[in-house]
Amino acid sequence: MPGCIVYSKSFLSFSLDLKIIMKFKKNILLIIEEFSDGHINCPGCASIIKKEEEILVFPFSCFEVNKINKVEDKEKKDNYYIIYLNYLG
């Protein structure tokens, strides 16, 4: 059984491009572990736009929280959390 399950009422947009990810991140960065290696096989996803390296996930899709890491960027004086997710469907 998953320890913690999360979902969103709206569409979620994920990117495979780290530059884009870092531009949009605020306090939390969500990473779907199945997509982190560039593998984008997601039968439950609304859209996969390979040219833009974007994955659009349907509302109410479920994710298991695998781990949470706190990142302290002393150079930018910026702290944020990375939450690693497992896509459940």
Protein backbone atom coordinates (compact mmCIF):
# COMPACT_ATOMS: atom_id res chain seq x y z
CA MET A 1 0.00 0.00 0.00
CA PRO A 2 1.27 3.49 -0.84
CA GLY A 3 2.20 5.61 2.16
CA CYS A 4 0.76 8.84 0.79
CA ILE A 5 -1.35 9.45 -2.31
CA VAL A 6 -1.82 12.87 -3.89
CA TYR A 7 -3.95 14.13 -6.76
CA SER A 8 -4.93 17.44 -8.30
CA LYS A 9 -8.36 18.69 -9.36
CA SER A 10 -6.82 20.34 -12.42
CA PHE A 11 -4.57 19.32 -15.28
CA LEU A 12 -0.89 19.07 -14.36
CA SER A 13 1.89 19.97 -16.75
CA PHE A 14 5.32 18.36 -16.43
CA SER A 15 8.43 19.05 -18.48
CA LEU A 16 11.49 16.98 -19.33
CA ASP A 17 13.58 20.12 -19.92
CA LEU A 18 15.45 21.11 -16.74
CA LYS A 19 15.79 24.76 -17.84
CA ILE A 20 12.01 25.09 -18.15
CA ILE A 21 11.46 23.25 -14.88
CA MET A 22 13.73 25.57 -12.93
CA LYS A 23 12.10 28.66 -14.49
CA PHE A 24 8.62 27.68 -13.26
CA LYS A 25 9.44 26.15 -9.89
CA LYS A 26 8.42 28.03 -6.75
CA ASN A 27 8.83 26.33 -3.37
CA ILE A 28 8.15 22.81 -4.60
CA LEU A 29 9.42 20.81 -7.55
CA LEU A 30 7.39 17.70 -8.47
CA ILE A 31 9.19 14.92 -10.31
CA ILE A 32 7.45 11.86 -11.75
CA GLU A 33 10.19 9.26 -11.46
CA GLU A 34 9.03 7.26 -14.47
CA PHE A 35 9.61 10.32 -16.70
CA SER A 36 12.87 11.58 -15.16
CA ASP A 37 15.00 9.51 -17.56
CA GLY A 38 13.23 10.92 -20.65
CA HIS A 39 10.96 7.86 -20.99
CA ILE A 40 7.46 9.16 -21.77
CA ASN A 41 5.12 6.19 -22.01
CA CYS A 42 2.02 7.32 -20.16
CA PRO A 43 -1.25 5.70 -21.27
CA GLY A 44 -3.22 7.74 -18.70
CA CYS A 45 -1.81 11.10 -19.75
CA ALA A 46 -3.93 13.65 -21.59
CA SER A 47 -1.16 14.68 -23.97
CA ILE A 48 2.50 14.10 -24.65
CA ILE A 49 4.11 16.86 -26.71
CA LYS A 50 7.52 15.46 -27.65
CA LYS A 51 8.70 18.62 -29.45
CA GLU A 52 8.21 20.70 -26.30
CA GLU A 53 9.11 17.82 -23.94
CA GLU A 54 5.85 18.43 -22.07
CA ILE A 55 3.54 15.91 -20.45
CA LEU A 56 -0.03 16.94 -19.61
CA VAL A 57 -1.69 14.78 -16.95
CA PHE A 58 -5.46 14.43 -16.52
CA PRO A 59 -7.20 15.89 -13.46
CA PHE A 60 -7.65 13.46 -10.55
CA SER A 61 -4.67 11.36 -11.64
CA CYS A 62 -3.16 9.71 -8.57
CA PHE A 63 0.47 9.76 -7.48
CA GLU A 64 2.31 8.05 -4.68
CA VAL A 65 4.86 10.19 -2.83
CA ASN A 66 8.14 8.22 -2.85
CA LYS A 67 10.42 10.69 -1.11
CA ILE A 68 10.86 14.37 -0.28
CA ASN A 69 14.20 16.20 -0.34
CA LYS A 70 14.92 19.71 0.86
CA VAL A 71 17.32 21.64 -1.38
CA GLU A 72 19.25 24.62 -0.05
CA ASP A 73 20.76 26.76 -2.80
CA LYS A 74 23.17 28.98 -0.87
CA GLU A 75 24.29 30.79 -4.03
CA LYS A 76 20.75 32.02 -4.84
CA LYS A 77 19.62 32.01 -1.21
CA ASP A 78 16.75 29.85 -2.31
CA ASN A 79 15.29 26.85 -0.48
CA TYR A 80 12.79 24.47 -2.05
CA TYR A 81 11.55 20.90 -1.83
CA ILE A 82 11.75 18.17 -4.45
CA ILE A 83 8.90 15.68 -4.21
CA TYR A 84 9.43 12.42 -6.11
CA LEU A 85 6.19 10.86 -7.34
CA ASN A 86 5.15 7.51 -8.73
CA TYR A 87 2.32 7.81 -11.28
CA LEU A 88 -0.52 5.46 -10.30
CA GLY A 89 -3.11 6.41 -12.91
